[in-house]
Amino acid sequence: MEKDFHKAMLNIYEEGLRLPKPYRATRYRQMVCELGGKKAAEKLLSTSDPSEGFTQLFLHGQNDGLKKSVEYLVLQKPWSALFTDEQLAVARDRLKKYGCPVPE
């Protein structure tokens, strides 16, 4: 499942490029390639503030942009099973704070 999650993490980079105002998250892609998808997600969820990429996705398309975020991805099934309740709460809170609907 972690291999598939890694692919999903790389896929949201590609999806960011297809936003109406494309977002090229090169540092994000590099982090995913270096650490692996799960560890990169854990690192991004371990901070008290959202990453620069999260903010940029918001600016590049608000809800549509944030649906390309790590926070949105980790809340989706089956990926949510890979993360702790605390990590999922961080993701959920960030999305809500920016007015993005949370995946069920």
C-alpha atoms as a PDB file:
ATOM      1  CA  MET A   1       0.000   0.000   0.000  1.00  0.00           C
ATOM      2  CA  GLU A   2       2.902   2.384   0.720  1.00  0.00           C
ATOM      3  CA  LYS A   3       4.154   1.955  -2.861  1.00  0.00           C
ATOM      4  CA  ASP A   4       0.758   2.946  -4.196  1.00  0.00           C
ATOM      5  CA  PHE A   5       0.625   5.899  -1.806  1.00  0.00           C
ATOM      6  CA  HIS A   6       4.036   7.032  -3.085  1.00  0.00           C
ATOM      7  CA  LYS A   7       2.599   7.007  -6.629  1.00  0.00           C
ATOM      8  CA  ALA A   8      -0.438   8.973  -5.436  1.00  0.00           C
ATOM      9  CA  MET A   9       1.876  11.570  -3.857  1.00  0.00           C
ATOM     10  CA  LEU A  10       3.700  11.981  -7.176  1.00  0.00           C
ATOM     11  CA  ASN A  11       0.368  12.155  -8.965  1.00  0.00           C
ATOM     12  CA  ILE A  12      -0.812  15.181  -6.981  1.00  0.00           C
ATOM     13  CA  TYR A  13       2.312  16.996  -8.221  1.00  0.00           C
ATOM     14  CA  GLU A  14       1.165  16.269 -11.786  1.00  0.00           C
ATOM     15  CA  GLU A  15      -2.391  17.352 -10.955  1.00  0.00           C
ATOM     16  CA  GLY A  16      -1.050  20.670  -9.657  1.00  0.00           C
ATOM     17  CA  LEU A  17       0.424  21.302 -13.090  1.00  0.00           C
ATOM     18  CA  ARG A  18      -3.058  20.938 -14.598  1.00  0.00           C
ATOM     19  CA  LEU A  19      -4.742  23.543 -12.395  1.00  0.00           C
ATOM     20  CA  PRO A  20      -6.166  26.569 -14.266  1.00  0.00           C
ATOM     21  CA  LYS A  21      -3.229  28.474 -12.799  1.00  0.00           C
ATOM     22  CA  PRO A  22      -0.588  25.679 -12.863  1.00  0.00           C
ATOM     23  CA  TYR A  23       1.516  25.100  -9.772  1.00  0.00           C
ATOM     24  CA  ARG A  24       4.950  23.490 -10.144  1.00  0.00           C
ATOM     25  CA  ALA A  25       5.888  22.163  -6.688  1.00  0.00           C
ATOM     26  CA  THR A  26       9.462  21.145  -7.465  1.00  0.00           C
ATOM     27  CA  ARG A  27      10.632  21.067  -3.819  1.00  0.00           C
ATOM     28  CA  TYR A  28       7.651  18.876  -2.935  1.00  0.00           C
ATOM     29  CA  ARG A  29       8.431  16.431  -5.752  1.00  0.00           C
ATOM     30  CA  GLN A  30      12.083  16.310  -4.723  1.00  0.00           C
ATOM     31  CA  MET A  31      11.106  15.581  -1.094  1.00  0.00           C
ATOM     32  CA  VAL A  32       8.779  12.766  -2.154  1.00  0.00           C
ATOM     33  CA  CYS A  33      11.460  11.243  -4.373  1.00  0.00           C
ATOM     34  CA  GLU A  34      14.102  11.476  -1.627  1.00  0.00           C
ATOM     35  CA  LEU A  35      12.049  10.394   1.414  1.00  0.00           C
ATOM     36  CA  GLY A  36       9.286   8.354  -0.155  1.00  0.00           C
ATOM     37  CA  GLY A  37       5.636   9.323  -0.167  1.00  0.00           C
ATOM     38  CA  LYS A  38       4.698   8.264   3.363  1.00  0.00           C
ATOM     39  CA  LYS A  39       7.693   9.850   5.085  1.00  0.00           C
ATOM     40  CA  ALA A  40       7.256  13.047   3.074  1.00  0.00           C
ATOM     41  CA  ALA A  41       3.597  13.219   4.115  1.00  0.00           C
ATOM     42  CA  GLU A  42       4.512  12.602   7.752  1.00  0.00           C
ATOM     43  CA  LYS A  43       7.091  15.378   7.598  1.00  0.00           C
ATOM     44  CA  LEU A  44       4.596  17.836   6.113  1.00  0.00           C
ATOM     45  CA  LEU A  45       1.977  16.923   8.724  1.00  0.00           C
ATOM     46  CA  SER A  46       4.426  17.234  11.630  1.00  0.00           C
ATOM     47  CA  THR A  47       4.648  21.032  11.506  1.00  0.00           C
ATOM     48  CA  SER A  48       2.285  23.408  13.250  1.00  0.00           C
ATOM     49  CA  ASP A  49       1.909  25.565  10.141  1.00  0.00           C
ATOM     50  CA  PRO A  50       0.953  24.511   6.627  1.00  0.00           C
ATOM     51  CA  SER A  51       3.755  24.222   4.109  1.00  0.00           C
ATOM     52  CA  GLU A  52       4.445  26.875   1.513  1.00  0.00           C
ATOM     53  CA  GLY A  53       3.092  24.429  -1.060  1.00  0.00           C
ATOM     54  CA  PHE A  54      -0.229  24.151   0.771  1.00  0.00           C
ATOM     55  CA  THR A  55      -0.567  27.930   0.738  1.00  0.00           C
ATOM     56  CA  GLN A  56       0.410  28.086  -2.935  1.00  0.00           C
ATOM     57  CA  LEU A  57      -2.183  25.454  -3.837  1.00  0.00           C
ATOM     58  CA  PHE A  58      -4.795  27.574  -2.071  1.00  0.00           C
ATOM     59  CA  LEU A  59      -3.690  30.625  -4.053  1.00  0.00           C
ATOM     60  CA  HIS A  60      -3.683  28.624  -7.296  1.00  0.00           C
ATOM     61  CA  GLY A  61      -7.245  27.489  -7.036  1.00  0.00           C
ATOM     62  CA  GLN A  62      -8.627  27.560  -3.488  1.00  0.00           C
ATOM     63  CA  ASN A  63     -10.676  24.371  -3.030  1.00  0.00           C
ATOM     64  CA  ASP A  64      -9.628  22.859  -6.357  1.00  0.00           C
ATOM     65  CA  GLY A  65      -6.010  23.574  -5.501  1.00  0.00           C
ATOM     66  CA  LEU A  66      -6.286  22.187  -1.980  1.00  0.00           C
ATOM     67  CA  LYS A  67      -7.763  18.977  -3.380  1.00  0.00           C
ATOM     68  CA  LYS A  68      -4.246  18.458  -4.776  1.00  0.00           C
ATOM     69  CA  SER A  69      -2.679  18.795  -1.314  1.00  0.00           C
ATOM     70  CA  VAL A  70      -1.088  16.138   0.865  1.00  0.00           C
ATOM     71  CA  GLU A  71      -3.637  17.011   3.537  1.00  0.00           C
ATOM     72  CA  TYR A  72      -6.514  16.152   1.232  1.00  0.00           C
ATOM     73  CA  LEU A  73      -4.837  12.990  -0.057  1.00  0.00           C
ATOM     74  CA  VAL A  74      -4.115  11.461   3.363  1.00  0.00           C
ATOM     75  CA  LEU A  75      -7.757  11.834   4.413  1.00  0.00           C
ATOM     76  CA  GLN A  76      -8.960   9.704   1.501  1.00  0.00           C
ATOM     77  CA  LYS A  77      -9.428   5.961   1.692  1.00  0.00           C
ATOM     78  CA  PRO A  78      -7.431   3.770   1.556  1.00  0.00           C
ATOM     79  CA  TRP A  79      -4.566   6.172   2.379  1.00  0.00           C
ATOM     80  CA  SER A  80      -5.995   7.325   5.710  1.00  0.00           C
ATOM     81  CA  ALA A  81      -5.192   3.867   7.143  1.00  0.00           C
ATOM     82  CA  LEU A  82      -1.465   4.677   6.815  1.00  0.00           C
ATOM     83  CA  PHE A  83      -1.634   7.621   9.237  1.00  0.00           C
ATOM     84  CA  THR A  84      -2.287   8.211  12.921  1.00  0.00           C
ATOM     85  CA  ASP A  85      -5.393   9.901  14.261  1.00  0.00           C
ATOM     86  CA  GLU A  86      -3.221  12.903  15.184  1.00  0.00           C
ATOM     87  CA  GLN A  87      -1.830  13.237  11.654  1.00  0.00           C
ATOM     88  CA  LEU A  88      -5.310  12.968  10.172  1.00  0.00           C
ATOM     89  CA  ALA A  89      -6.561  15.619  12.609  1.00  0.00           C
ATOM     90  CA  VAL A  90      -3.793  18.001  11.461  1.00  0.00           C
ATOM     91  CA  ALA A  91      -4.779  17.437   7.828  1.00  0.00           C
ATOM     92  CA  ARG A  92      -8.491  17.886   8.566  1.00  0.00           C
ATOM     93  CA  ASP A  93      -7.931  21.058  10.611  1.00  0.00           C
ATOM     94  CA  ARG A  94      -5.773  22.685   7.935  1.00  0.00           C
ATOM     95  CA  LEU A  95      -8.311  22.052   5.212  1.00  0.00           C
ATOM     96  CA  LYS A  96     -11.172  23.338   7.358  1.00  0.00           C
ATOM     97  CA  LYS A  97      -9.203  26.449   8.300  1.00  0.00           C
ATOM     98  CA  TYR A  98      -8.871  27.290   4.604  1.00  0.00           C
ATOM     99  CA  GLY A  99     -12.529  26.497   3.886  1.00  0.00           C
ATOM    100  CA  CYS A 100     -11.912  23.360   1.877  1.00  0.00           C
ATOM    101  CA  PRO A 101     -14.458  20.542   2.164  1.00  0.00           C
ATOM    102  CA  VAL A 102     -12.902  17.519   3.869  1.00  0.00           C
ATOM    103  CA  PRO A 103     -13.107  14.153   2.088  1.00  0.00           C
ATOM    104  CA  GLU A 104     -15.343  11.616   3.802  1.00  0.00           C
END
